[in-house]
Amino acid sequence: MPGGKHILGKKKQQRVFGTAKVGDRGQIVIPKEAREFFGIEPGDTLLILGKNETGLIVTKPDTLNDLAAQIFQSVEKED
């Protein structure tokens, strides 16, 4: 299984898969190794988030569904 390049001094979950150049139509190509590692297939929908200080985050929408479920479970436990 591909793994990208581990970033020294960082958690094993943080990896570098390369760079992506923005084309004339604003499109980027996600490196093959990253697509394979994260199971990204043609036709998949990705969520693009951004913050001035930290830049862009590209993720699968289910990642946030899982996070939202954890937050709701945490709130229910507090009640």
PDB file of N, CA and C in Angstrom:
ATOM      1  N   MET A   1       0.850  -1.191   0.000  1.00  0.00           N
ATOM      2  CA  MET A   1       0.000   0.000   0.000  1.00  0.00           C
ATOM      3  C   MET A   1       0.881   1.235   0.000  1.00  0.00           C
ATOM      4  N   PRO A   2       0.562   2.238  -0.806  1.00  0.00           N
ATOM      5  CA  PRO A   2       1.360   3.447  -0.853  1.00  0.00           C
ATOM      6  C   PRO A   2       1.245   4.209   0.451  1.00  0.00           C
ATOM      7  N   GLY A   3       2.240   4.992   0.761  1.00  0.00           N
ATOM      8  CA  GLY A   3       2.187   5.698   2.020  1.00  0.00           C
ATOM      9  C   GLY A   3       2.611   7.137   1.983  1.00  0.00           C
ATOM     10  N   GLY A   4       2.997   7.656   0.825  1.00  0.00           N
ATOM     11  CA  GLY A   4       3.506   9.018   0.791  1.00  0.00           C
ATOM     12  C   GLY A   4       4.822   9.089   1.520  1.00  0.00           C
ATOM     13  N   LYS A   5       5.326  10.280   1.700  1.00  0.00           N
ATOM     14  CA  LYS A   5       6.582  10.464   2.418  1.00  0.00           C
ATOM     15  C   LYS A   5       6.268  10.956   3.804  1.00  0.00           C
ATOM     16  N   HIS A   6       6.785  10.253   4.801  1.00  0.00           N
ATOM     17  CA  HIS A   6       6.580  10.649   6.183  1.00  0.00           C
ATOM     18  C   HIS A   6       7.319  11.955   6.457  1.00  0.00           C
ATOM     19  N   ILE A   7       6.678  12.859   7.175  1.00  0.00           N
ATOM     20  CA  ILE A   7       7.307  14.129   7.528  1.00  0.00           C
ATOM     21  C   ILE A   7       8.039  13.939   8.850  1.00  0.00           C
ATOM     22  N   LEU A   8       9.348  14.101   8.819  1.00  0.00           N
ATOM     23  CA  LEU A   8      10.142  13.901  10.037  1.00  0.00           C
ATOM     24  C   LEU A   8       9.663  14.811  11.156  1.00  0.00           C
ATOM     25  N   GLY A   9       9.560  14.251  12.339  1.00  0.00           N
ATOM     26  CA  GLY A   9       9.140  15.016  13.499  1.00  0.00           C
ATOM     27  C   GLY A   9       7.639  15.192  13.613  1.00  0.00           C
ATOM     28  N   LYS A  10       6.875  14.672  12.682  1.00  0.00           N
ATOM     29  CA  LYS A  10       5.418  14.801  12.717  1.00  0.00           C
ATOM     30  C   LYS A  10       4.793  13.439  12.987  1.00  0.00           C
ATOM     31  N   LYS A  11       3.529  13.452  13.357  1.00  0.00           N
ATOM     32  CA  LYS A  11       2.801  12.210  13.573  1.00  0.00           C
ATOM     33  C   LYS A  11       2.802  11.380  12.294  1.00  0.00           C
ATOM     34  N   LYS A  12       2.727  10.067  12.438  1.00  0.00           N
ATOM     35  CA  LYS A  12       2.744   9.186  11.270  1.00  0.00           C
ATOM     36  C   LYS A  12       1.559   9.433  10.343  1.00  0.00           C
ATOM     37  N   GLN A  13       0.494  10.067  10.821  1.00  0.00           N
ATOM     38  CA  GLN A  13      -0.660  10.349   9.981  1.00  0.00           C
ATOM     39  C   GLN A  13      -0.394  11.498   9.018  1.00  0.00           C
ATOM     40  N   GLN A  14       0.671  12.263   9.213  1.00  0.00           N
ATOM     41  CA  GLN A  14       0.951  13.410   8.359  1.00  0.00           C
ATOM     42  C   GLN A  14       1.965  12.998   7.296  1.00  0.00           C
ATOM     43  N   ARG A  15       1.579  13.117   6.045  1.00  0.00           N
ATOM     44  CA  ARG A  15       2.413  12.665   4.934  1.00  0.00           C
ATOM     45  C   ARG A  15       2.409  13.695   3.815  1.00  0.00           C
ATOM     46  N   VAL A  16       3.432  13.644   2.991  1.00  0.00           N
ATOM     47  CA  VAL A  16       3.526  14.487   1.807  1.00  0.00           C
ATOM     48  C   VAL A  16       3.400  13.585   0.595  1.00  0.00           C
ATOM     49  N   PHE A  17       2.467  13.901  -0.287  1.00  0.00           N
ATOM     50  CA  PHE A  17       2.240  13.104  -1.485  1.00  0.00           C
ATOM     51  C   PHE A  17       2.726  13.811  -2.743  1.00  0.00           C
ATOM     52  N   GLY A  18       3.267  14.986  -2.627  1.00  0.00           N
ATOM     53  CA  GLY A  18       3.746  15.717  -3.791  1.00  0.00           C
ATOM     54  C   GLY A  18       3.038  17.052  -3.916  1.00  0.00           C
ATOM     55  N   THR A  19       3.070  17.584  -5.116  1.00  0.00           N
ATOM     56  CA  THR A  19       2.448  18.876  -5.369  1.00  0.00           C
ATOM     57  C   THR A  19       1.412  18.728  -6.478  1.00  0.00           C
ATOM     58  N   ALA A  20       0.576  19.733  -6.623  1.00  0.00           N
ATOM     59  CA  ALA A  20      -0.424  19.745  -7.691  1.00  0.00           C
ATOM     60  C   ALA A  20      -0.420  21.140  -8.306  1.00  0.00           C
ATOM     61  N   LYS A  21      -0.354  21.198  -9.609  1.00  0.00           N
ATOM     62  CA  LYS A  21      -0.364  22.474 -10.325  1.00  0.00           C
ATOM     63  C   LYS A  21      -1.806  22.814 -10.717  1.00  0.00           C
ATOM     64  N   VAL A  22      -2.189  24.062 -10.538  1.00  0.00           N
ATOM     65  CA  VAL A  22      -3.531  24.507 -10.903  1.00  0.00           C
ATOM     66  C   VAL A  22      -3.544  24.822 -12.395  1.00  0.00           C
ATOM     67  N   GLY A  23      -4.477  24.191 -13.108  1.00  0.00           N
ATOM     68  CA  GLY A  23      -4.601  24.401 -14.546  1.00  0.00           C
ATOM     69  C   GLY A  23      -5.381  25.660 -14.878  1.00  0.00           C
ATOM     70  N   ASP A  24      -5.511  25.932 -16.156  1.00  0.00           N
ATOM     71  CA  ASP A  24      -6.216  27.133 -16.639  1.00  0.00           C
ATOM     72  C   ASP A  24      -7.661  27.194 -16.151  1.00  0.00           C
ATOM     73  N   ARG A  25      -8.280  26.050 -15.967  1.00  0.00           N
ATOM     74  CA  ARG A  25      -9.683  26.009 -15.531  1.00  0.00           C
ATOM     75  C   ARG A  25      -9.815  25.873 -14.012  1.00  0.00           C
ATOM     76  N   GLY A  26      -8.706  26.045 -13.280  1.00  0.00           N
ATOM     77  CA  GLY A  26      -8.742  25.984 -11.827  1.00  0.00           C
ATOM     78  C   GLY A  26      -8.733  24.564 -11.280  1.00  0.00           C
ATOM     79  N   GLN A  27      -8.452  23.592 -12.116  1.00  0.00           N
ATOM     80  CA  GLN A  27      -8.456  22.195 -11.694  1.00  0.00           C
ATOM     81  C   GLN A  27      -7.068  21.762 -11.240  1.00  0.00           C
ATOM     82  N   ILE A  28      -7.046  20.810 -10.314  1.00  0.00           N
ATOM     83  CA  ILE A  28      -5.787  20.203  -9.888  1.00  0.00           C
ATOM     84  C   ILE A  28      -5.903  18.694 -10.054  1.00  0.00           C
ATOM     85  N   VAL A  29      -4.757  18.042 -10.167  1.00  0.00           N
ATOM     86  CA  VAL A  29      -4.721  16.587 -10.208  1.00  0.00           C
ATOM     87  C   VAL A  29      -4.142  16.117  -8.887  1.00  0.00           C
ATOM     88  N   ILE A  30      -4.891  15.301  -8.186  1.00  0.00           N
ATOM     89  CA  ILE A  30      -4.405  14.729  -6.926  1.00  0.00           C
ATOM     90  C   ILE A  30      -3.440  13.610  -7.281  1.00  0.00           C
ATOM     91  N   PRO A  31      -2.230  13.628  -6.720  1.00  0.00           N
ATOM     92  CA  PRO A  31      -1.258  12.586  -7.056  1.00  0.00           C
ATOM     93  C   PRO A  31      -1.830  11.178  -6.880  1.00  0.00           C
ATOM     94  N   LYS A  32      -1.468  10.280  -7.800  1.00  0.00           N
ATOM     95  CA  LYS A  32      -1.977   8.906  -7.808  1.00  0.00           C
ATOM     96  C   LYS A  32      -1.777   8.217  -6.461  1.00  0.00           C
ATOM     97  N   GLU A  33      -0.591   8.377  -5.882  1.00  0.00           N
ATOM     98  CA  GLU A  33      -0.302   7.725  -4.604  1.00  0.00           C
ATOM     99  C   GLU A  33      -1.277   8.185  -3.515  1.00  0.00           C
ATOM    100  N   ALA A  34      -1.636   9.470  -3.510  1.00  0.00           N
ATOM    101  CA  ALA A  34      -2.589  10.001  -2.530  1.00  0.00           C
ATOM    102  C   ALA A  34      -3.983   9.448  -2.792  1.00  0.00           C
ATOM    103  N   ARG A  35      -4.397   9.390  -4.086  1.00  0.00           N
ATOM    104  CA  ARG A  35      -5.723   8.846  -4.416  1.00  0.00           C
ATOM    105  C   ARG A  35      -5.834   7.397  -3.966  1.00  0.00           C
ATOM    106  N   GLU A  36      -4.791   6.616  -4.199  1.00  0.00           N
ATOM    107  CA  GLU A  36      -4.809   5.208  -3.783  1.00  0.00           C
ATOM    108  C   GLU A  36      -4.830   5.088  -2.266  1.00  0.00           C
ATOM    109  N   PHE A  37      -4.013   5.873  -1.579  1.00  0.00           N
ATOM    110  CA  PHE A  37      -3.917   5.820  -0.114  1.00  0.00           C
ATOM    111  C   PHE A  37      -5.258   6.136   0.543  1.00  0.00           C
ATOM    112  N   PHE A  38      -5.966   7.148   0.005  1.00  0.00           N
ATOM    113  CA  PHE A  38      -7.224   7.590   0.601  1.00  0.00           C
ATOM    114  C   PHE A  38      -8.458   6.998  -0.078  1.00  0.00           C
ATOM    115  N   GLY A  39      -8.254   6.137  -1.072  1.00  0.00           N
ATOM    116  CA  GLY A  39      -9.388   5.490  -1.727  1.00  0.00           C
ATOM    117  C   GLY A  39     -10.253   6.446  -2.524  1.00  0.00           C
ATOM    118  N   ILE A  40      -9.636   7.436  -3.147  1.00  0.00           N
ATOM    119  CA  ILE A  40     -10.381   8.406  -3.952  1.00  0.00           C
ATOM    120  C   ILE A  40     -10.516   7.854  -5.364  1.00  0.00           C
ATOM    121  N   GLU A  41     -11.757   7.743  -5.817  1.00  0.00           N
ATOM    122  CA  GLU A  41     -12.068   7.173  -7.128  1.00  0.00           C
ATOM    123  C   GLU A  41     -12.674   8.246  -8.042  1.00  0.00           C
ATOM    124  N   PRO A  42     -12.564   8.066  -9.364  1.00  0.00           N
ATOM    125  CA  PRO A  42     -13.220   9.014 -10.280  1.00  0.00           C
ATOM    126  C   PRO A  42     -14.713   9.133  -9.947  1.00  0.00           C
ATOM    127  N   GLY A  43     -15.218  10.339  -9.931  1.00  0.00           N
ATOM    128  CA  GLY A  43     -16.627  10.581  -9.617  1.00  0.00           C
ATOM    129  C   GLY A  43     -16.887  10.852  -8.146  1.00  0.00           C
ATOM    130  N   ASP A  44     -15.900  10.602  -7.271  1.00  0.00           N
ATOM    131  CA  ASP A  44     -16.078  10.898  -5.847  1.00  0.00           C
ATOM    132  C   ASP A  44     -16.246  12.398  -5.644  1.00  0.00           C
ATOM    133  N   THR A  45     -17.004  12.776  -4.631  1.00  0.00           N
ATOM    134  CA  THR A  45     -17.161  14.173  -4.251  1.00  0.00           C
ATOM    135  C   THR A  45     -16.210  14.465  -3.103  1.00  0.00           C
ATOM    136  N   LEU A  46     -15.479  15.564  -3.218  1.00  0.00           N
ATOM    137  CA  LEU A  46     -14.575  15.985  -2.155  1.00  0.00           C
ATOM    138  C   LEU A  46     -15.028  17.339  -1.636  1.00  0.00           C
ATOM    139  N   LEU A  47     -14.833  17.560  -0.356  1.00  0.00           N
ATOM    140  CA  LEU A  47     -15.203  18.803   0.306  1.00  0.00           C
ATOM    141  C   LEU A  47     -13.959  19.680   0.399  1.00  0.00           C
ATOM    142  N   ILE A  48     -14.077  20.942   0.008  1.00  0.00           N
ATOM    143  CA  ILE A  48     -12.963  21.883   0.045  1.00  0.00           C
ATOM    144  C   ILE A  48     -13.273  22.925   1.121  1.00  0.00           C
ATOM    145  N   LEU A  49     -12.425  22.985   2.142  1.00  0.00           N
ATOM    146  CA  LEU A  49     -12.575  23.956   3.228  1.00  0.00           C
ATOM    147  C   LEU A  49     -11.362  24.871   3.203  1.00  0.00           C
ATOM    148  N   GLY A  50     -11.492  26.073   3.721  1.00  0.00           N
ATOM    149  CA  GLY A  50     -10.347  26.971   3.742  1.00  0.00           C
ATOM    150  C   GLY A  50     -10.393  27.963   4.884  1.00  0.00           C
ATOM    151  N   LYS A  51      -9.213  28.379   5.275  1.00  0.00           N
ATOM    152  CA  LYS A  51      -9.054  29.381   6.318  1.00  0.00           C
ATOM    153  C   LYS A  51      -7.836  30.223   5.942  1.00  0.00           C
ATOM    154  N   ASN A  52      -7.934  31.526   6.066  1.00  0.00           N
ATOM    155  CA  ASN A  52      -6.837  32.411   5.659  1.00  0.00           C
ATOM    156  C   ASN A  52      -5.497  32.001   6.266  1.00  0.00           C
ATOM    157  N   GLU A  53      -5.490  31.668   7.546  1.00  0.00           N
ATOM    158  CA  GLU A  53      -4.242  31.398   8.251  1.00  0.00           C
ATOM    159  C   GLU A  53      -3.623  30.048   7.888  1.00  0.00           C
ATOM    160  N   THR A  54      -4.459  29.058   7.564  1.00  0.00           N
ATOM    161  CA  THR A  54      -3.932  27.707   7.386  1.00  0.00           C
ATOM    162  C   THR A  54      -4.049  27.170   5.969  1.00  0.00           C
ATOM    163  N   GLY A  55      -4.835  27.787   5.120  1.00  0.00           N
ATOM    164  CA  GLY A  55      -4.953  27.340   3.737  1.00  0.00           C
ATOM    165  C   GLY A  55      -6.141  26.424   3.517  1.00  0.00           C
ATOM    166  N   LEU A  56      -6.001  25.538   2.528  1.00  0.00           N
ATOM    167  CA  LEU A  56      -7.096  24.665   2.110  1.00  0.00           C
ATOM    168  C   LEU A  56      -7.001  23.279   2.729  1.00  0.00           C
ATOM    169  N   ILE A  57      -8.166  22.687   2.918  1.00  0.00           N
ATOM    170  CA  ILE A  57      -8.271  21.291   3.325  1.00  0.00           C
ATOM    171  C   ILE A  57      -9.168  20.617   2.306  1.00  0.00           C
ATOM    172  N   VAL A  58      -8.711  19.501   1.779  1.00  0.00           N
ATOM    173  CA  VAL A  58      -9.506  18.700   0.846  1.00  0.00           C
ATOM    174  C   VAL A  58      -9.776  17.380   1.544  1.00  0.00           C
ATOM    175  N   THR A  59     -11.052  17.023   1.687  1.00  0.00           N
ATOM    176  CA  THR A  59     -11.396  15.803   2.414  1.00  0.00           C
ATOM    177  C   THR A  59     -12.666  15.196   1.838  1.00  0.00           C
ATOM    178  N   LYS A  60     -12.890  13.944   2.183  1.00  0.00           N
ATOM    179  CA  LYS A  60     -14.156  13.312   1.817  1.00  0.00           C
ATOM    180  C   LYS A  60     -15.226  13.814   2.785  1.00  0.00           C
ATOM    181  N   PRO A  61     -16.427  14.076   2.306  1.00  0.00           N
ATOM    182  CA  PRO A  61     -17.481  14.577   3.194  1.00  0.00           C
ATOM    183  C   PRO A  61     -17.764  13.656   4.385  1.00  0.00           C
ATOM    184  N   ASP A  62     -17.598  12.309   4.210  1.00  0.00           N
ATOM    185  CA  ASP A  62     -17.899  11.405   5.328  1.00  0.00           C
ATOM    186  C   ASP A  62     -16.975  11.659   6.512  1.00  0.00           C
ATOM    187  N   THR A  63     -15.797  12.235   6.277  1.00  0.00           N
ATOM    188  CA  THR A  63     -14.892  12.549   7.378  1.00  0.00           C
ATOM    189  C   THR A  63     -15.569  13.498   8.348  1.00  0.00           C
ATOM    190  N   LEU A  64     -16.274  14.487   7.809  1.00  0.00           N
ATOM    191  CA  LEU A  64     -16.972  15.439   8.682  1.00  0.00           C
ATOM    192  C   LEU A  64     -18.232  14.834   9.273  1.00  0.00           C
ATOM    193  N   ASN A  65     -18.875  13.908   8.564  1.00  0.00           N
ATOM    194  CA  ASN A  65     -20.028  13.220   9.143  1.00  0.00           C
ATOM    195  C   ASN A  65     -19.611  12.460  10.393  1.00  0.00           C
ATOM    196  N   ASP A  66     -18.469  11.774  10.310  1.00  0.00           N
ATOM    197  CA  ASP A  66     -17.962  11.028  11.464  1.00  0.00           C
ATOM    198  C   ASP A  66     -17.628  11.974  12.613  1.00  0.00           C
ATOM    199  N   LEU A  67     -16.997  13.109  12.286  1.00  0.00           N
ATOM    200  CA  LEU A  67     -16.651  14.089  13.314  1.00  0.00           C
ATOM    201  C   LEU A  67     -17.910  14.666  13.952  1.00  0.00           C
ATOM    202  N   ALA A  68     -18.909  14.991  13.139  1.00  0.00           N
ATOM    203  CA  ALA A  68     -20.166  15.526  13.664  1.00  0.00           C
ATOM    204  C   ALA A  68     -20.830  14.504  14.587  1.00  0.00           C
ATOM    205  N   ALA A  69     -20.822  13.235  14.220  1.00  0.00           N
ATOM    206  CA  ALA A  69     -21.412  12.193  15.067  1.00  0.00           C
ATOM    207  C   ALA A  69     -20.696  12.124  16.411  1.00  0.00           C
ATOM    208  N   GLN A  70     -19.374  12.231  16.396  1.00  0.00           N
ATOM    209  CA  GLN A  70     -18.607  12.210  17.646  1.00  0.00           C
ATOM    210  C   GLN A  70     -18.958  13.411  18.519  1.00  0.00           C
ATOM    211  N   ILE A  71     -19.126  14.572  17.907  1.00  0.00           N
ATOM    212  CA  ILE A  71     -19.479  15.783  18.662  1.00  0.00           C
ATOM    213  C   ILE A  71     -20.857  15.614  19.298  1.00  0.00           C
ATOM    214  N   PHE A  72     -21.826  15.118  18.509  1.00  0.00           N
ATOM    215  CA  PHE A  72     -23.169  14.933  19.055  1.00  0.00           C
ATOM    216  C   PHE A  72     -23.175  13.904  20.183  1.00  0.00           C
ATOM    217  N   GLN A  73     -22.407  12.834  20.061  1.00  0.00           N
ATOM    218  CA  GLN A  73     -22.316  11.835  21.125  1.00  0.00           C
ATOM    219  C   GLN A  73     -21.736  12.457  22.385  1.00  0.00           C
ATOM    220  N   SER A  74     -20.730  13.291  22.217  1.00  0.00           N
ATOM    221  CA  SER A  74     -20.096  13.971  23.350  1.00  0.00           C
ATOM    222  C   SER A  74     -21.081  14.890  24.059  1.00  0.00           C
ATOM    223  N   VAL A  75     -21.873  15.629  23.284  1.00  0.00           N
ATOM    224  CA  VAL A  75     -22.862  16.543  23.856  1.00  0.00           C
ATOM    225  C   VAL A  75     -23.947  15.760  24.582  1.00  0.00           C
ATOM    226  N   GLU A  76     -24.386  14.635  24.007  1.00  0.00           N
ATOM    227  CA  GLU A  76     -25.419  13.817  24.645  1.00  0.00           C
ATOM    228  C   GLU A  76     -24.933  13.259  25.987  1.00  0.00           C
ATOM    229  N   LYS A  77     -23.651  12.894  26.062  1.00  0.00           N
ATOM    230  CA  LYS A  77     -23.092  12.356  27.313  1.00  0.00           C
ATOM    231  C   LYS A  77     -23.072  13.409  28.397  1.00  0.00           C
ATOM    232  N   GLU A  78     -22.884  14.688  28.006  1.00  0.00           N
ATOM    233  CA  GLU A  78     -22.830  15.772  28.970  1.00  0.00           C
ATOM    234  C   GLU A  78     -24.210  16.103  29.543  1.00  0.00           C
ATOM    235  N   ASP A  79     -25.274  15.828  28.772  1.00  0.00           N
ATOM    236  CA  ASP A  79     -26.645  16.166  29.211  1.00  0.00           C
ATOM    237  C   ASP A  79     -27.167  15.253  30.267  1.00  0.00           C
TER     238      ASP A  79
END
